[in-house]
């Protein structure tokens, strides 16, 4: 095959096969940025973004999804008590404990003495 090779400003014919390396060099390879999907709220299972994030007991919530199990009042990190994977406002936590006098009957926790 006849290949035209440009040498400076003139074209010359050559019978030598031309090898062209078209593979990209490591410096020119661009890694495409892919965003990581945001974490999901434990209650509503929707995406939680930084501005609306609340982490309580290592679990992720929207600020508006973090509610008392008993009265559904929106909780804050300073106004809740958690037992048995359930969150309560402090007044209801105290009230439920005072009704029975123990955690076993008030919150449905298995009594370790009976097992």
Foldseek 3Di string as FASTA:
>chain_A
DWDWDDDDHDTDIDPDDDDDDPDDDPVPDDDDDDDDFAAAAPQPRDGDDPVQWDADPNGIHGQQCCAAPPPRHRDHNVAWDDDPNGIHGVVVVVVLCVVVVDCCVSPVDDDPVVD
